[in-house]
N, C-alpha and C. Protein backbone atom coordinates (compact mmCIF):
# COMPACT_ATOMS: atom_id res chain seq x y z
N MET A 1 -2.03 16.64 0.47
CA MET A 1 -0.90 15.96 0.32
C MET A 1 -1.19 14.81 1.23
N HIS A 2 -1.27 13.83 0.49
CA HIS A 2 -1.32 12.18 1.58
C HIS A 2 -0.44 12.14 2.66
N LYS A 3 -0.82 11.22 3.62
CA LYS A 3 -0.24 11.12 4.87
C LYS A 3 0.07 9.38 4.66
N VAL A 4 1.03 9.04 4.90
CA VAL A 4 1.33 7.40 3.99
C VAL A 4 2.03 6.79 5.00
N ALA A 5 1.38 5.77 5.61
CA ALA A 5 1.67 4.50 6.41
C ALA A 5 2.94 3.79 5.47
N VAL A 6 3.97 3.64 5.83
CA VAL A 6 4.86 2.46 5.10
C VAL A 6 5.52 1.24 6.42
N GLY A 7 5.72 0.35 5.53
CA GLY A 7 6.26 -0.65 6.75
C GLY A 7 6.70 -1.84 5.54
N CYS A 8 7.70 -2.61 6.23
CA CYS A 8 8.11 -3.47 5.62
C CYS A 8 8.76 -5.18 6.55
N ASP A 9 9.13 -6.06 5.82
CA ASP A 9 9.91 -6.91 6.49
C ASP A 9 11.16 -6.76 6.80
N PRO A 10 12.10 -7.70 7.02
CA PRO A 10 13.51 -7.56 7.50
C PRO A 10 14.10 -7.92 6.22
N ASN A 11 13.53 -8.54 4.85
CA ASN A 11 13.92 -8.54 3.64
C ASN A 11 13.90 -7.52 3.00
N ALA A 12 13.17 -6.18 3.26
CA ALA A 12 12.82 -5.10 2.51
C ALA A 12 13.37 -3.91 2.97
N GLY A 13 14.10 -3.94 4.05
CA GLY A 13 14.33 -2.37 4.62
C GLY A 13 15.30 -1.49 3.91
N ARG A 14 15.97 -1.93 3.34
CA ARG A 14 16.96 -1.37 2.25
C ARG A 14 16.06 -0.44 1.34
N GLU A 15 14.69 -1.30 0.50
CA GLU A 15 13.70 -0.68 -0.19
C GLU A 15 13.10 0.33 0.50
N LYS A 16 12.49 0.02 1.82
CA LYS A 16 11.57 1.12 2.34
C LYS A 16 12.44 2.19 2.64
N GLU A 17 13.77 2.05 3.17
CA GLU A 17 14.04 3.47 3.42
C GLU A 17 14.32 4.12 2.11
N ALA A 18 14.53 3.69 1.16
CA ALA A 18 14.50 4.51 -0.17
C ALA A 18 13.35 5.07 -0.50
N LEU A 19 12.22 4.12 -0.28
CA LEU A 19 10.87 4.71 -0.59
C LEU A 19 10.22 5.71 0.21
N VAL A 20 10.64 5.55 1.35
CA VAL A 20 10.46 6.62 2.82
C VAL A 20 11.22 7.93 2.14
N SER A 21 12.08 7.72 1.55
CA SER A 21 13.03 9.21 1.37
C SER A 21 12.59 10.02 -0.09
N PHE A 22 12.53 9.12 -0.94
CA PHE A 22 11.46 9.69 -2.01
C PHE A 22 10.54 10.07 -1.88
N LEU A 23 9.68 9.36 -0.95
CA LEU A 23 8.14 10.04 -0.80
C LEU A 23 8.34 11.29 -0.21
N ARG A 24 8.98 11.37 0.92
CA ARG A 24 9.43 12.66 1.47
C ARG A 24 9.53 13.66 0.84
N GLY A 25 10.79 13.48 -0.42
CA GLY A 25 11.21 14.27 -1.25
C GLY A 25 10.17 14.81 -1.93
N LYS A 26 9.10 13.95 -2.16
CA LYS A 26 7.95 14.33 -3.04
C LYS A 26 6.91 15.12 -2.34
N GLY A 27 7.12 15.27 -0.99
CA GLY A 27 6.38 15.89 -0.26
C GLY A 27 5.00 15.45 0.59
N TYR A 28 5.62 14.18 0.69
CA TYR A 28 4.41 13.52 1.40
C TYR A 28 5.06 13.28 3.14
N THR A 29 3.64 13.32 3.87
CA THR A 29 4.02 12.95 5.15
C THR A 29 4.06 11.58 5.31
N VAL A 30 5.23 10.81 5.91
CA VAL A 30 5.18 9.52 6.20
C VAL A 30 5.55 8.78 7.62
N VAL A 31 4.52 8.06 7.73
CA VAL A 31 4.54 7.09 9.03
C VAL A 31 5.56 6.17 8.97
N ASP A 32 6.76 5.71 9.62
CA ASP A 32 7.49 4.73 9.06
C ASP A 32 6.98 3.63 10.61
N PHE A 33 6.44 2.42 10.00
CA PHE A 33 5.96 1.75 10.64
C PHE A 33 7.18 0.10 10.91
N GLY A 34 8.41 1.01 10.43
CA GLY A 34 9.50 -0.13 10.57
C GLY A 34 9.65 -1.30 9.67
N GLY A 35 10.34 -2.17 10.11
CA GLY A 35 10.93 -3.46 9.40
C GLY A 35 11.64 -4.76 10.26
N ASP A 36 11.82 -4.60 11.51
CA ASP A 36 12.79 -5.27 11.69
C ASP A 36 12.10 -6.50 12.28
N ASP A 37 10.73 -6.60 12.66
CA ASP A 37 9.78 -7.54 13.20
C ASP A 37 9.91 -8.77 11.64
N PRO A 38 10.40 -9.89 12.24
CA PRO A 38 10.48 -10.75 11.18
C PRO A 38 9.04 -11.61 10.81
N ILE A 39 8.32 -11.32 11.99
CA ILE A 39 6.87 -11.80 11.65
C ILE A 39 5.98 -10.42 11.14
N TYR A 40 5.87 -10.35 9.76
CA TYR A 40 5.23 -9.66 8.61
C TYR A 40 3.90 -9.17 8.85
N ALA A 41 3.33 -9.99 9.70
CA ALA A 41 2.09 -9.62 9.72
C ALA A 41 1.78 -8.77 10.64
N ASN A 42 2.85 -8.79 11.82
CA ASN A 42 2.71 -7.78 12.65
C ASN A 42 2.84 -6.19 12.40
N VAL A 43 3.55 -6.15 11.22
CA VAL A 43 4.01 -4.82 10.51
C VAL A 43 2.47 -4.46 9.40
N ALA A 44 2.36 -5.76 8.79
CA ALA A 44 1.14 -5.23 7.67
C ALA A 44 0.05 -4.93 8.65
N ALA A 45 -0.36 -5.39 10.00
CA ALA A 45 -1.66 -4.87 10.28
C ALA A 45 -1.30 -4.03 11.02
N GLY A 46 -0.25 -3.36 11.72
CA GLY A 46 -0.10 -1.83 12.08
C GLY A 46 0.05 -0.83 11.05
N VAL A 47 -0.16 -1.04 9.88
CA VAL A 47 -0.19 -0.19 8.55
C VAL A 47 -1.66 -0.36 8.26
N ALA A 48 -2.35 -1.53 8.43
CA ALA A 48 -3.64 -1.59 7.78
C ALA A 48 -4.39 -1.16 8.93
N ARG A 49 -4.51 -1.28 10.17
CA ARG A 49 -5.24 -0.32 11.12
C ARG A 49 -4.91 0.98 10.94
N ALA A 50 -3.68 1.50 10.67
CA ALA A 50 -3.82 2.80 10.94
C ALA A 50 -4.40 3.78 9.56
N VAL A 51 -4.30 2.73 8.11
CA VAL A 51 -5.01 3.07 7.27
C VAL A 51 -6.87 3.09 7.25
N ALA A 52 -7.17 1.49 7.93
CA ALA A 52 -8.41 1.71 7.97
C ALA A 52 -9.13 2.59 9.01
N ALA A 53 -8.54 3.24 9.96
CA ALA A 53 -8.73 3.97 11.09
C ALA A 53 -8.94 5.42 10.54
N GLY A 54 -8.41 5.71 9.53
CA GLY A 54 -8.02 6.92 8.71
C GLY A 54 -6.90 7.83 9.47
N GLU A 55 -6.16 7.51 10.19
CA GLU A 55 -4.91 8.14 10.79
C GLU A 55 -3.80 8.17 9.70
N CYS A 56 -4.05 7.59 8.62
CA CYS A 56 -3.39 7.64 7.61
C CYS A 56 -3.96 7.30 6.23
N ASP A 57 -3.75 8.39 5.07
CA ASP A 57 -4.40 8.12 3.74
C ASP A 57 -4.33 7.17 3.16
N ARG A 58 -3.14 6.60 3.07
CA ARG A 58 -2.71 5.40 2.31
C ARG A 58 -1.78 4.59 3.21
N GLY A 59 -1.61 3.29 2.31
CA GLY A 59 -0.06 2.72 3.12
C GLY A 59 0.67 2.14 1.77
N ILE A 60 1.52 1.83 2.31
CA ILE A 60 2.57 1.03 1.55
C ILE A 60 3.18 0.00 2.37
N LEU A 61 3.14 -1.56 1.71
CA LEU A 61 4.20 -2.46 2.41
C LEU A 61 5.29 -3.51 1.50
N ILE A 62 6.04 -3.40 2.05
CA ILE A 62 6.98 -4.19 1.21
C ILE A 62 7.75 -5.59 1.84
N CYS A 63 7.36 -6.74 1.09
CA CYS A 63 8.14 -7.46 1.63
C CYS A 63 9.13 -8.48 0.50
N GLY A 64 9.24 -9.50 0.76
CA GLY A 64 10.16 -10.21 -0.50
C GLY A 64 9.55 -9.98 -1.93
N THR A 65 7.92 -10.90 -1.59
CA THR A 65 7.67 -10.77 -3.08
C THR A 65 6.33 -9.99 -2.93
N GLY A 66 5.49 -9.23 -1.84
CA GLY A 66 4.72 -8.51 -1.45
C GLY A 66 3.30 -9.46 -1.32
N LEU A 67 3.66 -10.57 -1.52
CA LEU A 67 2.33 -11.65 -1.21
C LEU A 67 1.95 -11.63 0.39
N GLY A 68 3.13 -11.67 1.28
CA GLY A 68 2.15 -11.93 2.55
C GLY A 68 1.86 -10.93 3.16
N MET A 69 2.60 -9.54 2.68
CA MET A 69 1.90 -8.28 3.22
C MET A 69 0.65 -8.07 2.98
N SER A 70 0.34 -8.32 1.25
CA SER A 70 -0.96 -7.83 1.00
C SER A 70 -1.98 -9.11 1.56
N MET A 71 -1.76 -10.22 1.96
CA MET A 71 -2.54 -11.00 2.54
C MET A 71 -2.94 -10.91 4.10
N ALA A 72 -1.93 -10.32 4.88
CA ALA A 72 -2.14 -9.98 6.01
C ALA A 72 -2.96 -8.69 6.06
N ALA A 73 -2.64 -7.67 5.48
CA ALA A 73 -3.11 -6.46 5.41
C ALA A 73 -4.62 -6.59 5.23
N ASN A 74 -5.01 -7.55 4.20
CA ASN A 74 -6.52 -7.58 3.99
C ASN A 74 -7.17 -8.42 4.83
N LYS A 75 -6.48 -8.89 6.00
CA LYS A 75 -7.56 -9.21 6.80
C LYS A 75 -7.99 -8.39 7.84
N VAL A 76 -7.47 -6.93 7.80
CA VAL A 76 -8.02 -6.02 8.70
C VAL A 76 -9.26 -5.52 8.30
N PRO A 77 -10.13 -5.30 8.76
CA PRO A 77 -11.58 -4.91 8.29
C PRO A 77 -10.83 -3.40 7.96
N GLY A 78 -11.26 -2.71 6.53
CA GLY A 78 -11.52 -1.89 6.14
C GLY A 78 -10.20 -1.23 5.58
N ALA A 79 -9.08 -2.42 5.24
CA ALA A 79 -7.78 -2.29 4.83
C ALA A 79 -8.26 -2.90 3.35
N TYR A 80 -7.64 -2.55 2.29
CA TYR A 80 -7.83 -3.05 0.98
C TYR A 80 -6.66 -3.00 0.16
N ALA A 81 -5.67 -4.10 0.34
CA ALA A 81 -4.71 -4.12 -0.22
C ALA A 81 -4.34 -4.51 -1.42
N ALA A 82 -3.35 -4.16 -2.34
CA ALA A 82 -3.16 -4.49 -3.73
C ALA A 82 -1.92 -4.94 -3.96
N LEU A 83 -1.63 -5.97 -4.48
CA LEU A 83 -0.14 -6.56 -4.74
C LEU A 83 0.27 -5.76 -6.02
N ILE A 84 0.89 -4.73 -6.44
CA ILE A 84 1.14 -4.16 -7.15
C ILE A 84 2.41 -4.32 -8.04
N SER A 85 2.74 -4.23 -9.32
CA SER A 85 3.73 -4.58 -10.23
C SER A 85 4.17 -4.25 -11.45
N ASP A 86 3.15 -3.17 -11.57
CA ASP A 86 3.09 -2.38 -12.99
C ASP A 86 2.13 -1.13 -12.90
N VAL A 87 2.66 -0.23 -14.06
CA VAL A 87 1.99 0.90 -13.71
C VAL A 87 0.39 1.19 -13.77
N TYR A 88 0.03 0.28 -14.91
CA TYR A 88 -1.31 0.12 -14.87
C TYR A 88 -2.02 -0.42 -13.64
N SER A 89 -1.62 -1.50 -13.25
CA SER A 89 -2.28 -1.70 -11.86
C SER A 89 -2.48 -1.25 -10.81
N ALA A 90 -1.03 -0.14 -10.54
CA ALA A 90 -1.13 0.71 -9.83
C ALA A 90 -2.01 2.20 -9.85
N GLU A 91 -2.52 2.09 -10.92
CA GLU A 91 -3.34 3.51 -11.16
C GLU A 91 -5.08 2.64 -10.93
N ARG A 92 -5.22 1.33 -11.73
CA ARG A 92 -6.55 0.86 -11.76
C ARG A 92 -6.74 0.48 -9.90
N ALA A 93 -5.68 0.01 -9.53
CA ALA A 93 -5.79 -0.54 -8.12
C ALA A 93 -6.72 0.68 -7.51
N ARG A 94 -6.64 1.90 -7.50
CA ARG A 94 -7.03 2.97 -6.92
C ARG A 94 -8.38 3.34 -7.76
N MET A 95 -8.41 3.52 -8.82
CA MET A 95 -9.39 4.12 -9.78
C MET A 95 -10.73 2.93 -10.11
N SER A 96 -10.20 1.84 -10.01
CA SER A 96 -11.26 0.77 -10.32
C SER A 96 -11.53 0.17 -8.99
N ASN A 97 -10.60 -0.28 -8.09
CA ASN A 97 -10.68 -0.78 -6.84
C ASN A 97 -11.01 -0.35 -5.53
N ASP A 98 -10.54 0.93 -5.50
CA ASP A 98 -10.58 1.90 -4.43
C ASP A 98 -9.36 1.19 -3.09
N ALA A 99 -8.21 0.81 -3.76
CA ALA A 99 -7.63 0.25 -2.75
C ALA A 99 -6.72 1.32 -1.87
N ASN A 100 -6.62 1.04 -0.78
CA ASN A 100 -5.96 1.91 0.14
C ASN A 100 -4.56 1.73 0.44
N ILE A 101 -4.09 0.78 0.00
CA ILE A 101 -2.58 0.01 0.50
C ILE A 101 -2.21 -0.78 -0.71
N ALA A 102 -1.11 -0.41 -0.92
CA ALA A 102 -0.09 -0.71 -1.91
C ALA A 102 1.04 -1.61 -1.45
N CYS A 103 1.15 -2.86 -2.27
CA CYS A 103 2.08 -3.94 -1.65
C CYS A 103 2.94 -4.08 -2.79
N PHE A 104 4.38 -4.02 -2.34
CA PHE A 104 5.30 -4.39 -3.40
C PHE A 104 6.53 -5.30 -3.03
N GLY A 105 6.99 -6.17 -4.03
CA GLY A 105 7.95 -7.00 -4.01
C GLY A 105 9.37 -6.66 -3.71
N ALA A 106 10.18 -6.50 -2.73
CA ALA A 106 11.60 -6.38 -3.01
C ALA A 106 12.36 -6.87 -3.75
N PHE A 107 12.01 -8.28 -3.86
CA PHE A 107 12.64 -9.48 -4.84
C PHE A 107 12.15 -9.46 -6.07
N THR A 108 11.23 -8.82 -6.22
CA THR A 108 10.39 -8.99 -7.69
C THR A 108 10.48 -7.74 -8.64
N ILE A 109 10.87 -6.55 -8.01
CA ILE A 109 10.96 -5.42 -8.82
C ILE A 109 12.07 -4.14 -8.05
N GLY A 110 12.58 -3.48 -8.90
CA GLY A 110 13.75 -2.96 -8.61
C GLY A 110 13.04 -1.52 -7.59
N ILE A 111 13.99 -0.35 -6.87
CA ILE A 111 13.45 0.49 -6.20
C ILE A 111 12.93 1.52 -6.95
N ARG A 112 13.58 1.78 -8.25
CA ARG A 112 12.90 2.91 -9.56
C ARG A 112 11.81 2.79 -9.78
N LEU A 113 11.03 1.22 -9.89
CA LEU A 113 10.06 1.09 -10.70
C LEU A 113 9.19 1.19 -9.13
N MET A 114 9.55 0.89 -8.08
CA MET A 114 8.71 0.86 -6.69
C MET A 114 8.40 2.27 -6.63
N GLU A 115 9.16 3.21 -6.90
CA GLU A 115 9.19 4.77 -6.62
C GLU A 115 7.98 5.15 -7.71
N ARG A 116 7.94 4.77 -8.95
CA ARG A 116 7.00 5.25 -9.93
C ARG A 116 5.69 4.63 -9.46
N LEU A 117 5.69 3.22 -9.28
CA LEU A 117 4.32 2.61 -8.80
C LEU A 117 3.75 3.22 -7.46
N ALA A 118 4.56 3.75 -6.77
CA ALA A 118 4.02 4.19 -5.19
C ALA A 118 3.73 5.63 -5.71
N GLU A 119 4.31 6.35 -6.36
CA GLU A 119 3.56 7.82 -6.89
C GLU A 119 2.48 7.74 -7.68
N THR A 120 2.31 6.51 -8.88
CA THR A 120 0.97 6.59 -9.37
C THR A 120 -0.04 6.34 -8.33
N PHE A 121 0.21 5.34 -7.74
CA PHE A 121 -0.78 4.98 -6.67
C PHE A 121 -1.39 6.11 -5.86
N LEU A 122 -0.13 6.69 -5.21
CA LEU A 122 -0.62 7.72 -4.29
C LEU A 122 -1.46 9.11 -4.81
N ARG A 123 -1.19 9.27 -6.13
CA ARG A 123 -1.73 9.99 -6.98
C ARG A 123 -3.33 10.03 -7.88
N SER A 124 -3.20 8.37 -8.00
CA SER A 124 -4.69 8.32 -8.66
C SER A 124 -5.58 8.14 -7.39
N GLU A 125 -7.15 8.63 -7.87
CA GLU A 125 -7.98 8.61 -6.95
C GLU A 125 -9.29 7.76 -7.49
N PHE A 126 -10.09 7.29 -6.61
CA PHE A 126 -11.52 6.58 -7.01
C PHE A 126 -12.57 7.51 -7.25
N GLU A 127 -13.27 7.63 -8.00
CA GLU A 127 -14.46 8.23 -8.09
C GLU A 127 -15.52 7.97 -7.90
N PRO A 128 -16.05 8.58 -6.50
CA PRO A 128 -17.76 7.58 -6.07
C PRO A 128 -18.39 7.65 -7.32
N GLY A 129 -19.48 6.76 -7.30
CA GLY A 129 -20.46 6.74 -8.44
C GLY A 129 -20.03 6.64 -9.63
N CYS A 130 -19.00 6.34 -9.62
CA CYS A 130 -18.42 5.59 -11.26
C CYS A 130 -18.59 4.24 -11.41
N SER A 131 -18.55 3.70 -12.63
CA SER A 131 -19.26 2.30 -13.30
C SER A 131 -18.37 1.14 -12.20
N SER A 132 -17.25 1.91 -11.28
CA SER A 132 -16.72 0.60 -10.67
C SER A 132 -17.50 0.38 -9.22
N GLN A 133 -18.42 1.44 -9.02
CA GLN A 133 -18.86 1.56 -7.38
C GLN A 133 -19.52 0.34 -7.21
N PRO A 134 -20.32 -0.25 -7.66
CA PRO A 134 -21.63 -1.53 -7.43
C PRO A 134 -20.42 -2.23 -7.29
N LYS A 135 -19.15 -2.39 -7.97
CA LYS A 135 -18.12 -3.96 -7.61
C LYS A 135 -17.66 -3.51 -6.30
N VAL A 136 -16.82 -2.17 -6.09
CA VAL A 136 -16.39 -1.91 -4.58
C VAL A 136 -17.41 -2.08 -3.16
N ASP A 137 -18.61 -1.72 -3.86
CA ASP A 137 -19.58 -2.02 -2.71
C ASP A 137 -20.15 -3.26 -2.38
N ALA A 138 -19.58 -4.09 -3.49
CA ALA A 138 -20.22 -5.47 -3.03
C ALA A 138 -18.59 -6.14 -2.71
N LEU A 139 -17.65 -5.83 -3.02
CA LEU A 139 -16.41 -6.42 -2.21
C LEU A 139 -16.36 -5.81 -1.01
N ARG A 140 -16.72 -4.44 -0.35
CA ARG A 140 -16.85 -4.31 0.83
C ARG A 140 -17.99 -4.67 1.83
N SER A 141 -18.77 -5.31 1.09
CA SER A 141 -20.05 -5.93 1.81
C SER A 141 -19.30 -7.48 2.55
N LEU A 142 -18.45 -7.72 1.74
CA LEU A 142 -18.13 -9.06 2.21
C LEU A 142 -17.55 -9.48 3.62
N GLY A 143 -17.07 -8.25 4.15
CA GLY A 143 -16.64 -8.27 5.72
C GLY A 143 -15.80 -7.52 5.76
């Protein structure tokens, strides 16, 4: 079972708490990075560093739109964050792009969809050597 790092900004505290409860109910180990810091980049960096270092298998970040969290997380070497708002993208973020952090917008999707997207993201796996491997390798070589 995956160990999941979760964090948010103050706009998404309610959604984070609901998602943490949902994930724990599904058997995931959740490391809660909080959500009180108004500087979302601080929380995003904490989650991204934990995932990039292998302390957590995956990460989930939530802010108003998910945009700021994804931008901040992607500044951390080894963190590959994807803004996700539909099931197909949740699956492909893992299977085609080997993303290790999902970002959600608390103002753009509801908690039930967020739960479904998180579960899809966490259950999907990248297959090393697949047709997407050269694309992922090229992405990772950028920095």
